[in-house]
Every structure is written in C-alpha cells, then in structure tokens.
Amino acid sequence: MRIAESELIINGDGSVFHLHLKPEDIADNIILVGDPGRVDMIGEFLSDKEFRKSNREFVTITGKYNGKRITVLSTGIGTDNIDIVVTELDALANVDFATREPKAVRKSLNIIRLGTSGAIQEDIPLGSFVFSEISVGCDGLLNWYEGRDEIALADIEEAFKKHVGWDKHLPDPYFVRAGEKMIEKFKDCTVRGCTISAPGFYGPQGRVVRLPLAMPDMVDDFGSFRFGDVRITNFEMEGSALAGLSALLGHNAGTVCCIIANRYLKSSNTDYKPFVRDLVRLVLDKMSE
C-alpha cells in the first residue's frame, strides 16, 4: 500500500517533515527528552557524534555510548508532540521513502523517555527515579486510533473512572503497559510506577491558580486509587502516548522520570539537575547493555 504524499510528508532533501531526519539518521536505541537543551547535555556523554539537527522543538543528536549507537531527540511538551515524534520515528524505521510503502520486514525500536515528574505518594522522595510500568492517558490521543481497546487495560480503566468520579466532559482515560523488555531492563533500579499523563501542567494536574477545577479532589482521589497492587504514583505529560502508540506500532518503549516535586507533601526541588544527570547515566548504561 503506497502512502500518499499528504499523509506522510517527506521534505525535498529526503527527510521526514517535522523531525528533519532521514532513515539512516536514527539508531535502534532512542532516548526522548522534552527539553531541547537536554539533548546537548546528554550529547556530552556520547562519542563519535554524527550530527546535530534541529527543527522547532525537535533537536536530535546521534552518537555512541559504550560502543552502542544511540539517538537522543527532544519532543517538546505534550502528547500531541509525541504523536508526531513516534509516528515519524516509525516511518523512518519502517517505511521505504523511495516507494512510500511499508517495508516487508518490520523493525522494532527501543525508545525510552527521560523526564521529570511530580509524585503523589508520600513514600516517593524527591530525587527518586520512577519507571512507568503503566501509563494513564488523560489526553484522549490514543482514542483516535483503531486498536486502542486491544492494548488498553480495560478493567483498571473502569475501576479508576468509578473511583475518581470521572467528569463526563473529559476524554476517556486509557491505561497502557510499557514494553515488557523495557520494564525488565529498569525493574531493579527504579520505583515501580503507574503514571498519569496529563494534557496540561496546571488544571489537568490539579493545580489551582485562578481557575477552579472540574474535579476539585482529583489529586487526593488519584492518590487513593488502588487496583490490586497498582497505585497512581506520579504526574507527567507524555508517557501515555509513547506507551500507547509504541504498543500499536510494535516498538519497545517506556518512560522513566526523576521526581522533582511531591504533591502529597507539597514539596519541590528546583535544584534537580544533579539528579537528572544521574538518571541520564543510568538510562545510557541500560540502553547500551
């Protein structure tokens, strides 16, 4: 099946539309970050850097760490950007740009998102690393794709909506597991997480500045939710789309975040860069095994 020019836009130089990358530019092992500036920080750890490319918030470096080829790419903030990034990474890996047809042999990428996050459980201290074994999409993105119900955890979804009194005007939340290989890779060095991916930083994460909330008790309700041994551990803004789209496309993906605030304890740490550098080293070590 040939993919139309309007559906997958390829630039005149043969690069994909938003990322401005060519198929040969990406490694099989990819680290995603939100902040474009963090790409250069991680790039300091890489040797044999091949290039640095940028377009809008999308900055990319490919190099080597412990002899393993790794691509570092910034996504900006939000699941809408993850929709762009994961779709275009998959196209780079699995579409022949000359014929515009999917390749006969599908490649599975290893993708880890490295970010910062706020915990909502008392026992998760600042500086902890939480791996999102389950991501909870409150953004609605995955609901636009066929196959959503085949990868979502429907029993937890229903229990969660009932527990928190999910507002009827909000998109249906979806619960998706990270890639099993990625879970295994990080299980012994991180806190086990079930993470809310919020479609905003303020109201969607229960913060009140001047506007009141549709669900005023949402942070407490999220924190008190239990389904077997699953509990909501933290907030961030991209992991659900990464987990969901990667599961649909056949990639091995996950999100690990450094905790820089605790919403339960109402504490935060603005001097978190040393913790993030430690997380970078951990992620690079694990991705280069």
C-alpha atoms as a PDB file:
ATOM      1  CA  MET A   1       0.000   0.000   0.000  1.00  0.00           C
ATOM      2  CA  ARG A   2       1.542   3.277  -1.109  1.00  0.00           C
ATOM      3  CA  ILE A   3       1.296   6.065   1.490  1.00  0.00           C
ATOM      4  CA  ALA A   4       0.065   9.307  -0.085  1.00  0.00           C
ATOM      5  CA  GLU A   5       2.187  12.475  -0.081  1.00  0.00           C
ATOM      6  CA  SER A   6      -0.434  14.230   2.040  1.00  0.00           C
ATOM      7  CA  GLU A   7      -0.320  11.515   4.752  1.00  0.00           C
ATOM      8  CA  LEU A   8       3.440  11.237   5.161  1.00  0.00           C
ATOM      9  CA  ILE A   9       5.199  14.434   4.131  1.00  0.00           C
ATOM     10  CA  ILE A  10       8.801  13.980   3.016  1.00  0.00           C
ATOM     11  CA  ASN A  11      10.928  17.096   2.612  1.00  0.00           C
ATOM     12  CA  GLY A  12      12.857  17.858  -0.563  1.00  0.00           C
ATOM     13  CA  ASP A  13      16.098  16.609   0.986  1.00  0.00           C
ATOM     14  CA  GLY A  14      14.558  13.215   1.797  1.00  0.00           C
ATOM     15  CA  SER A  15      13.948  13.920   5.479  1.00  0.00           C
ATOM     16  CA  VAL A  16      10.686  13.417   7.330  1.00  0.00           C
ATOM     17  CA  PHE A  17       8.531  16.536   7.717  1.00  0.00           C
ATOM     18  CA  HIS A  18       8.811  17.631  11.369  1.00  0.00           C
ATOM     19  CA  LEU A  19      11.935  15.895  12.656  1.00  0.00           C
ATOM     20  CA  HIS A  20      14.028  16.712   9.560  1.00  0.00           C
ATOM     21  CA  LEU A  21      15.690  13.301   9.882  1.00  0.00           C
ATOM     22  CA  LYS A  22      16.497  10.726   7.197  1.00  0.00           C
ATOM     23  CA  PRO A  23      16.105   6.978   7.771  1.00  0.00           C
ATOM     24  CA  GLU A  24      19.847   6.476   8.187  1.00  0.00           C
ATOM     25  CA  ASP A  25      19.997   9.155  10.914  1.00  0.00           C
ATOM     26  CA  ILE A  26      18.266   7.190  13.677  1.00  0.00           C
ATOM     27  CA  ALA A  27      19.691   4.419  15.822  1.00  0.00           C
ATOM     28  CA  ASP A  28      17.666   1.432  17.002  1.00  0.00           C
ATOM     29  CA  ASN A  29      18.036   2.754  20.573  1.00  0.00           C
ATOM     30  CA  ILE A  30      16.431   6.144  21.146  1.00  0.00           C
ATOM     31  CA  ILE A  31      16.253   8.444  24.179  1.00  0.00           C
ATOM     32  CA  LEU A  32      13.474  11.044  24.164  1.00  0.00           C
ATOM     33  CA  VAL A  33      13.547  14.179  26.310  1.00  0.00           C
ATOM     34  CA  GLY A  34      11.167  17.118  26.482  1.00  0.00           C
ATOM     35  CA  ASP A  35      13.654  19.966  26.755  1.00  0.00           C
ATOM     36  CA  PRO A  36      15.735  20.638  23.608  1.00  0.00           C
ATOM     37  CA  GLY A  37      18.565  21.838  25.855  1.00  0.00           C
ATOM     38  CA  ARG A  38      18.730  18.436  27.492  1.00  0.00           C
ATOM     39  CA  VAL A  39      19.737  16.861  24.171  1.00  0.00           C
ATOM     40  CA  ASP A  40      23.054  18.695  24.261  1.00  0.00           C
ATOM     41  CA  MET A  41      23.561  17.745  27.913  1.00  0.00           C
ATOM     42  CA  ILE A  42      23.115  14.047  27.094  1.00  0.00           C
ATOM     43  CA  GLY A  43      25.222  14.556  23.980  1.00  0.00           C
ATOM     44  CA  GLU A  44      28.174  15.358  26.269  1.00  0.00           C
ATOM     45  CA  PHE A  45      28.171  11.678  27.265  1.00  0.00           C
ATOM     46  CA  LEU A  46      28.299  10.432  23.660  1.00  0.00           C
ATOM     47  CA  SER A  47      31.301   9.763  21.471  1.00  0.00           C
ATOM     48  CA  ASP A  48      31.510   9.631  17.669  1.00  0.00           C
ATOM     49  CA  LYS A  49      28.664  12.115  17.275  1.00  0.00           C
ATOM     50  CA  GLU A  50      27.400  12.002  13.699  1.00  0.00           C
ATOM     51  CA  PHE A  51      25.325  15.194  13.559  1.00  0.00           C
ATOM     52  CA  ARG A  52      23.134  17.669  15.409  1.00  0.00           C
ATOM     53  CA  LYS A  53      19.899  18.573  13.627  1.00  0.00           C
ATOM     54  CA  SER A  54      17.083  20.838  14.777  1.00  0.00           C
ATOM     55  CA  ASN A  55      13.672  21.998  13.650  1.00  0.00           C
ATOM     56  CA  ARG A  56      11.354  23.845  16.044  1.00  0.00           C
ATOM     57  CA  GLU A  57      11.443  21.966  19.369  1.00  0.00           C
ATOM     58  CA  PHE A  58      12.839  18.809  17.737  1.00  0.00           C
ATOM     59  CA  VAL A  59      16.610  18.577  18.294  1.00  0.00           C
ATOM     60  CA  THR A  60      18.475  15.368  17.502  1.00  0.00           C
ATOM     61  CA  ILE A  61      21.974  14.007  18.102  1.00  0.00           C
ATOM     62  CA  THR A  62      23.123  10.509  17.160  1.00  0.00           C
ATOM     63  CA  GLY A  63      26.348   9.119  18.579  1.00  0.00           C
ATOM     64  CA  LYS A  64      27.740   6.215  20.575  1.00  0.00           C
ATOM     65  CA  TYR A  65      27.840   5.270  24.230  1.00  0.00           C
ATOM     66  CA  ASN A  66      29.913   2.259  25.281  1.00  0.00           C
ATOM     67  CA  GLY A  67      30.123   1.399  21.596  1.00  0.00           C
ATOM     68  CA  LYS A  68      26.321   1.308  21.122  1.00  0.00           C
ATOM     69  CA  ARG A  69      24.730   3.685  18.611  1.00  0.00           C
ATOM     70  CA  ILE A  70      22.125   5.889  20.339  1.00  0.00           C
ATOM     71  CA  THR A  71      19.871   8.706  19.139  1.00  0.00           C
ATOM     72  CA  VAL A  72      18.810  11.475  21.540  1.00  0.00           C
ATOM     73  CA  LEU A  73      15.774  13.501  20.461  1.00  0.00           C
ATOM     74  CA  SER A  74      13.736  16.274  22.094  1.00  0.00           C
ATOM     75  CA  THR A  75       9.963  16.246  21.755  1.00  0.00           C
ATOM     76  CA  GLY A  76       8.836  19.425  23.470  1.00  0.00           C
ATOM     77  CA  ILE A  77       5.892  19.222  25.856  1.00  0.00           C
ATOM     78  CA  GLY A  78       2.713  17.193  25.457  1.00  0.00           C
ATOM     79  CA  THR A  79       1.247  14.044  23.962  1.00  0.00           C
ATOM     80  CA  ASP A  80       0.385  15.853  20.727  1.00  0.00           C
ATOM     81  CA  ASN A  81       4.117  16.181  20.071  1.00  0.00           C
ATOM     82  CA  ILE A  82       4.628  12.508  20.941  1.00  0.00           C
ATOM     83  CA  ASP A  83       2.073  11.682  18.227  1.00  0.00           C
ATOM     84  CA  ILE A  84       4.369  13.454  15.746  1.00  0.00           C
ATOM     85  CA  VAL A  85       7.613  12.019  17.073  1.00  0.00           C
ATOM     86  CA  VAL A  86       6.594   8.359  17.379  1.00  0.00           C
ATOM     87  CA  THR A  87       4.764   8.335  14.042  1.00  0.00           C
ATOM     88  CA  GLU A  88       7.735   9.878  12.235  1.00  0.00           C
ATOM     89  CA  LEU A  89      10.287   7.642  14.000  1.00  0.00           C
ATOM     90  CA  ASP A  90       8.246   4.617  12.973  1.00  0.00           C
ATOM     91  CA  ALA A  91       8.095   5.884   9.394  1.00  0.00           C
ATOM     92  CA  LEU A  92      11.864   6.366   9.360  1.00  0.00           C
ATOM     93  CA  ALA A  93      12.310   2.781  10.552  1.00  0.00           C
ATOM     94  CA  ASN A  94       9.539   1.001   8.686  1.00  0.00           C
ATOM     95  CA  VAL A  95       8.630   2.900   5.508  1.00  0.00           C
ATOM     96  CA  ASP A  96      10.658   2.858   2.292  1.00  0.00           C
ATOM     97  CA  PHE A  97      10.897   6.577   1.488  1.00  0.00           C
ATOM     98  CA  ALA A  98      11.613   5.871  -2.194  1.00  0.00           C
ATOM     99  CA  THR A  99       8.476   3.774  -2.822  1.00  0.00           C
ATOM    100  CA  ARG A 100       6.360   5.183   0.049  1.00  0.00           C
ATOM    101  CA  GLU A 101       5.408   1.634   1.001  1.00  0.00           C
ATOM    102  CA  PRO A 102       5.787  -0.112   4.375  1.00  0.00           C
ATOM    103  CA  LYS A 103       8.842  -2.341   4.482  1.00  0.00           C
ATOM    104  CA  ALA A 104       8.264  -6.095   4.353  1.00  0.00           C
ATOM    105  CA  VAL A 105      10.326  -6.666   7.495  1.00  0.00           C
ATOM    106  CA  ARG A 106       9.272  -4.502  10.436  1.00  0.00           C
ATOM    107  CA  LYS A 107      11.874  -3.017  12.773  1.00  0.00           C
ATOM    108  CA  SER A 108      11.140  -2.625  16.476  1.00  0.00           C
ATOM    109  CA  LEU A 109      12.813   0.413  18.046  1.00  0.00           C
ATOM    110  CA  ASN A 110      13.851   0.661  21.695  1.00  0.00           C
ATOM    111  CA  ILE A 111      12.563   4.023  22.936  1.00  0.00           C
ATOM    112  CA  ILE A 112      12.910   5.415  26.457  1.00  0.00           C
ATOM    113  CA  ARG A 113      11.569   8.787  27.540  1.00  0.00           C
ATOM    114  CA  LEU A 114      13.629  10.511  30.220  1.00  0.00           C
ATOM    115  CA  GLY A 115      11.801  13.259  32.091  1.00  0.00           C
ATOM    116  CA  THR A 116      10.956  14.983  35.348  1.00  0.00           C
ATOM    117  CA  SER A 117       7.828  14.419  37.359  1.00  0.00           C
ATOM    118  CA  GLY A 118       5.803  15.115  40.495  1.00  0.00           C
ATOM    119  CA  ALA A 119       4.970  12.258  42.873  1.00  0.00           C
ATOM    120  CA  ILE A 120       1.593  11.962  44.590  1.00  0.00           C
ATOM    121  CA  GLN A 121       2.517   9.271  47.131  1.00  0.00           C
ATOM    122  CA  GLU A 122       4.094  10.123  50.475  1.00  0.00           C
ATOM    123  CA  ASP A 123       6.742   7.391  50.286  1.00  0.00           C
ATOM    124  CA  ILE A 124       8.302   8.518  46.977  1.00  0.00           C
ATOM    125  CA  PRO A 125      11.001  11.053  47.918  1.00  0.00           C
ATOM    126  CA  LEU A 126      12.494  13.820  45.807  1.00  0.00           C
ATOM    127  CA  GLY A 127      15.292  12.510  43.619  1.00  0.00           C
ATOM    128  CA  SER A 128      13.677   9.103  43.105  1.00  0.00           C
ATOM    129  CA  PHE A 129      13.531   7.520  39.662  1.00  0.00           C
ATOM    130  CA  VAL A 130      10.068   6.213  38.739  1.00  0.00           C
ATOM    131  CA  PHE A 131       9.620   3.890  35.767  1.00  0.00           C
ATOM    132  CA  SER A 132       6.082   3.981  34.364  1.00  0.00           C
ATOM    133  CA  GLU A 133       5.154   0.315  34.052  1.00  0.00           C
ATOM    134  CA  ILE A 134       1.646   1.608  33.340  1.00  0.00           C
ATOM    135  CA  SER A 135       0.856   4.996  31.813  1.00  0.00           C
ATOM    136  CA  VAL A 136      -2.554   6.618  32.175  1.00  0.00           C
ATOM    137  CA  GLY A 137      -3.577   8.831  29.272  1.00  0.00           C
ATOM    138  CA  CYS A 138      -5.906  11.637  30.290  1.00  0.00           C
ATOM    139  CA  ASP A 139      -5.331  13.376  26.956  1.00  0.00           C
ATOM    140  CA  GLY A 140      -7.573  11.279  24.685  1.00  0.00           C
ATOM    141  CA  LEU A 141      -4.900  10.836  21.990  1.00  0.00           C
ATOM    142  CA  LEU A 142      -4.983   7.051  21.778  1.00  0.00           C
ATOM    143  CA  ASN A 143      -8.769   7.097  21.400  1.00  0.00           C
ATOM    144  CA  TRP A 144      -8.251   8.404  17.841  1.00  0.00           C
ATOM    145  CA  TYR A 145      -6.546   5.154  16.790  1.00  0.00           C
ATOM    146  CA  GLU A 146      -8.018   1.777  15.906  1.00  0.00           C
ATOM    147  CA  GLY A 147      -6.776  -0.962  18.197  1.00  0.00           C
ATOM    148  CA  ARG A 148      -6.920   1.149  21.340  1.00  0.00           C
ATOM    149  CA  ASP A 149      -9.054  -1.425  23.182  1.00  0.00           C
ATOM    150  CA  GLU A 150      -6.719  -4.299  22.251  1.00  0.00           C
ATOM    151  CA  ILE A 151      -3.780  -2.774  24.147  1.00  0.00           C
ATOM    152  CA  ALA A 152      -5.575  -0.910  26.953  1.00  0.00           C
ATOM    153  CA  LEU A 153      -6.200  -2.329  30.435  1.00  0.00           C
ATOM    154  CA  ALA A 154      -9.986  -2.054  30.454  1.00  0.00           C
ATOM    155  CA  ASP A 155     -10.603  -3.406  33.965  1.00  0.00           C
ATOM    156  CA  ILE A 156      -8.318  -0.821  35.564  1.00  0.00           C
ATOM    157  CA  GLU A 157      -9.814   1.947  33.404  1.00  0.00           C
ATOM    158  CA  GLU A 158     -13.339   1.251  34.612  1.00  0.00           C
ATOM    159  CA  ALA A 159     -12.304   0.959  38.256  1.00  0.00           C
ATOM    160  CA  PHE A 160     -10.345   4.212  38.005  1.00  0.00           C
ATOM    161  CA  LYS A 161     -13.195   6.191  36.424  1.00  0.00           C
ATOM    162  CA  LYS A 162     -15.595   4.970  39.090  1.00  0.00           C
ATOM    163  CA  HIS A 163     -13.201   5.699  41.965  1.00  0.00           C
ATOM    164  CA  VAL A 164     -12.421   9.285  40.958  1.00  0.00           C
ATOM    165  CA  GLY A 165     -15.880  10.174  39.606  1.00  0.00           C
ATOM    166  CA  TRP A 166     -14.504  10.897  36.129  1.00  0.00           C
ATOM    167  CA  ASP A 167     -16.123  14.017  34.690  1.00  0.00           C
ATOM    168  CA  LYS A 168     -18.331  13.282  31.659  1.00  0.00           C
ATOM    169  CA  HIS A 169     -16.819  16.159  29.663  1.00  0.00           C
ATOM    170  CA  LEU A 170     -13.294  14.722  29.822  1.00  0.00           C
ATOM    171  CA  PRO A 171     -11.838  12.229  27.310  1.00  0.00           C
ATOM    172  CA  ASP A 172     -11.946   8.586  28.389  1.00  0.00           C
ATOM    173  CA  PRO A 173      -8.678   7.752  30.159  1.00  0.00           C
ATOM    174  CA  TYR A 174      -6.615   4.835  28.855  1.00  0.00           C
ATOM    175  CA  PHE A 175      -4.201   2.604  30.783  1.00  0.00           C
ATOM    176  CA  VAL A 176      -1.320   1.079  28.772  1.00  0.00           C
ATOM    177  CA  ARG A 177       1.673  -1.013  29.834  1.00  0.00           C
ATOM    178  CA  ALA A 178       5.199  -0.121  28.815  1.00  0.00           C
ATOM    179  CA  GLY A 179       7.123  -2.556  26.637  1.00  0.00           C
ATOM    180  CA  GLU A 180       7.878  -5.730  28.583  1.00  0.00           C
ATOM    181  CA  LYS A 181      11.561  -5.690  27.616  1.00  0.00           C
ATOM    182  CA  MET A 182      11.850  -2.110  28.852  1.00  0.00           C
ATOM    183  CA  ILE A 183      10.079  -2.972  32.110  1.00  0.00           C
ATOM    184  CA  GLU A 184      12.535  -5.814  32.669  1.00  0.00           C
ATOM    185  CA  LYS A 185      15.510  -3.559  31.923  1.00  0.00           C
ATOM    186  CA  PHE A 186      14.599  -0.970  34.574  1.00  0.00           C
ATOM    187  CA  LYS A 187      12.736  -3.003  37.213  1.00  0.00           C
ATOM    188  CA  ASP A 188      15.634  -3.405  39.658  1.00  0.00           C
ATOM    189  CA  CYS A 189      16.871   0.207  39.620  1.00  0.00           C
ATOM    190  CA  THR A 190      13.694   2.307  39.741  1.00  0.00           C
ATOM    191  CA  VAL A 191      10.436   2.732  41.639  1.00  0.00           C
ATOM    192  CA  ARG A 192       7.564   0.838  40.025  1.00  0.00           C
ATOM    193  CA  GLY A 193       5.166   3.445  38.610  1.00  0.00           C
ATOM    194  CA  CYS A 194       1.634   3.886  37.343  1.00  0.00           C
ATOM    195  CA  THR A 195       1.828   7.380  35.914  1.00  0.00           C
ATOM    196  CA  ILE A 196      -0.787   9.949  34.935  1.00  0.00           C
ATOM    197  CA  SER A 197      -0.010  11.688  31.631  1.00  0.00           C
ATOM    198  CA  ALA A 198      -1.839  14.993  31.924  1.00  0.00           C
ATOM    199  CA  PRO A 199      -2.764  17.220  28.951  1.00  0.00           C
ATOM    200  CA  GLY A 200      -1.571  20.311  30.827  1.00  0.00           C
ATOM    201  CA  PHE A 201       0.584  21.453  33.739  1.00  0.00           C
ATOM    202  CA  TYR A 202      -1.947  23.369  35.820  1.00  0.00           C
ATOM    203  CA  GLY A 203      -5.610  22.323  35.917  1.00  0.00           C
ATOM    204  CA  PRO A 204      -5.052  18.850  34.413  1.00  0.00           C
ATOM    205  CA  GLN A 205      -2.586  18.136  37.216  1.00  0.00           C
ATOM    206  CA  GLY A 206      -4.853  19.534  39.931  1.00  0.00           C
ATOM    207  CA  ARG A 207      -3.118  22.890  40.326  1.00  0.00           C
ATOM    208  CA  VAL A 208      -5.249  25.919  41.108  1.00  0.00           C
ATOM    209  CA  VAL A 209      -4.004  29.400  40.231  1.00  0.00           C
ATOM    210  CA  ARG A 210      -7.125  31.441  39.437  1.00  0.00           C
ATOM    211  CA  LEU A 211      -9.455  28.925  37.800  1.00  0.00           C
ATOM    212  CA  PRO A 212     -11.289  26.298  39.898  1.00  0.00           C
ATOM    213  CA  LEU A 213     -11.159  22.634  38.887  1.00  0.00           C
ATOM    214  CA  ALA A 214     -13.866  20.422  37.369  1.00  0.00           C
ATOM    215  CA  MET A 215     -12.729  17.684  39.807  1.00  0.00           C
ATOM    216  CA  PRO A 216     -11.544  19.612  42.900  1.00  0.00           C
ATOM    217  CA  ASP A 217     -10.383  16.499  44.797  1.00  0.00           C
ATOM    218  CA  MET A 218      -8.646  14.845  41.866  1.00  0.00           C
ATOM    219  CA  VAL A 219      -5.123  14.674  43.337  1.00  0.00           C
ATOM    220  CA  ASP A 220      -6.374  13.043  46.542  1.00  0.00           C
ATOM    221  CA  ASP A 221      -8.656  10.723  44.557  1.00  0.00           C
ATOM    222  CA  PHE A 222      -5.832   9.727  42.217  1.00  0.00           C
ATOM    223  CA  GLY A 223      -3.561   9.088  45.196  1.00  0.00           C
ATOM    224  CA  SER A 224      -6.081   6.878  46.984  1.00  0.00           C
ATOM    225  CA  PHE A 225      -6.874   4.697  43.963  1.00  0.00           C
ATOM    226  CA  ARG A 226      -5.875   1.037  44.243  1.00  0.00           C
ATOM    227  CA  PHE A 227      -6.361  -1.874  41.852  1.00  0.00           C
ATOM    228  CA  GLY A 228      -4.651  -4.911  43.307  1.00  0.00           C
ATOM    229  CA  ASP A 229      -1.068  -3.764  43.805  1.00  0.00           C
ATOM    230  CA  VAL A 230      -1.398  -0.906  41.298  1.00  0.00           C
ATOM    231  CA  ARG A 231      -1.467   2.670  42.611  1.00  0.00           C
ATOM    232  CA  ILE A 232      -1.061   6.027  40.899  1.00  0.00           C
ATOM    233  CA  THR A 233       2.471   7.225  41.640  1.00  0.00           C
ATOM    234  CA  ASN A 234       3.167  10.425  39.715  1.00  0.00           C
ATOM    235  CA  PHE A 235       2.230  13.005  37.077  1.00  0.00           C
ATOM    236  CA  GLU A 236       3.952  13.811  33.798  1.00  0.00           C
ATOM    237  CA  MET A 237       2.780  14.835  30.312  1.00  0.00           C
ATOM    238  CA  GLU A 238       3.984  12.498  27.548  1.00  0.00           C
ATOM    239  CA  GLY A 239       4.342   8.855  28.629  1.00  0.00           C
ATOM    240  CA  SER A 240       0.866   7.579  27.793  1.00  0.00           C
ATOM    241  CA  ALA A 241       1.114   8.481  24.108  1.00  0.00           C
ATOM    242  CA  LEU A 242       4.584   6.939  23.916  1.00  0.00           C
ATOM    243  CA  ALA A 243       3.424   3.695  25.532  1.00  0.00           C
ATOM    244  CA  GLY A 244       0.192   3.509  23.561  1.00  0.00           C
ATOM    245  CA  LEU A 245       1.489   4.346  20.085  1.00  0.00           C
ATOM    246  CA  SER A 246       4.565   2.165  20.566  1.00  0.00           C
ATOM    247  CA  ALA A 247       2.397  -0.778  21.603  1.00  0.00           C
ATOM    248  CA  LEU A 248       0.235  -0.346  18.493  1.00  0.00           C
ATOM    249  CA  LEU A 249       3.267   0.009  16.209  1.00  0.00           C
ATOM    250  CA  GLY A 250       5.334  -2.779  17.768  1.00  0.00           C
ATOM    251  CA  HIS A 251       8.083  -0.773  19.456  1.00  0.00           C
ATOM    252  CA  ASN A 252       9.604  -1.430  22.886  1.00  0.00           C
ATOM    253  CA  ALA A 253       9.079   1.792  24.834  1.00  0.00           C
ATOM    254  CA  GLY A 254       8.791   3.230  28.308  1.00  0.00           C
ATOM    255  CA  THR A 255       9.159   6.342  30.451  1.00  0.00           C
ATOM    256  CA  VAL A 256      11.413   6.943  33.445  1.00  0.00           C
ATOM    257  CA  CYS A 257      11.228  10.192  35.408  1.00  0.00           C
ATOM    258  CA  CYS A 258      13.202  11.902  38.116  1.00  0.00           C
ATOM    259  CA  ILE A 259      10.899  13.058  40.918  1.00  0.00           C
ATOM    260  CA  ILE A 260      11.422  16.792  41.478  1.00  0.00           C
ATOM    261  CA  ALA A 261       8.220  17.519  43.444  1.00  0.00           C
ATOM    262  CA  ASN A 262       5.898  15.683  45.809  1.00  0.00           C
ATOM    263  CA  ARG A 263       2.303  16.853  45.530  1.00  0.00           C
ATOM    264  CA  TYR A 264       1.246  14.927  48.650  1.00  0.00           C
ATOM    265  CA  LEU A 265       3.941  16.575  50.789  1.00  0.00           C
ATOM    266  CA  LYS A 266       3.642  19.881  48.861  1.00  0.00           C
ATOM    267  CA  SER A 267       7.425  19.971  48.442  1.00  0.00           C
ATOM    268  CA  SER A 268       9.642  20.604  45.427  1.00  0.00           C
ATOM    269  CA  ASN A 269      13.302  20.874  44.490  1.00  0.00           C
ATOM    270  CA  THR A 270      14.319  23.399  41.844  1.00  0.00           C
ATOM    271  CA  ASP A 271      17.980  22.302  42.111  1.00  0.00           C
ATOM    272  CA  TYR A 272      17.299  18.927  40.500  1.00  0.00           C
ATOM    273  CA  LYS A 273      19.902  18.923  37.708  1.00  0.00           C
ATOM    274  CA  PRO A 274      22.360  16.631  39.582  1.00  0.00           C
ATOM    275  CA  PHE A 275      19.592  14.032  39.960  1.00  0.00           C
ATOM    276  CA  VAL A 276      18.771  14.292  36.255  1.00  0.00           C
ATOM    277  CA  ARG A 277      22.420  13.746  35.319  1.00  0.00           C
ATOM    278  CA  ASP A 278      22.420  10.600  37.472  1.00  0.00           C
ATOM    279  CA  LEU A 279      19.298   9.438  35.648  1.00  0.00           C
ATOM    280  CA  VAL A 280      20.959  10.154  32.289  1.00  0.00           C
ATOM    281  CA  ARG A 281      23.897   7.932  33.248  1.00  0.00           C
ATOM    282  CA  LEU A 282      21.527   5.171  34.360  1.00  0.00           C
ATOM    283  CA  VAL A 283      19.499   5.340  31.141  1.00  0.00           C
ATOM    284  CA  LEU A 284      22.607   5.378  28.933  1.00  0.00           C
ATOM    285  CA  ASP A 285      24.048   2.392  30.789  1.00  0.00           C
ATOM    286  CA  LYS A 286      20.813   0.425  30.447  1.00  0.00           C
ATOM    287  CA  MET A 287      20.260   1.328  26.796  1.00  0.00           C
ATOM    288  CA  SER A 288      23.809   0.328  25.880  1.00  0.00           C
ATOM    289  CA  GLU A 289      23.740  -3.098  27.536  1.00  0.00           C
END
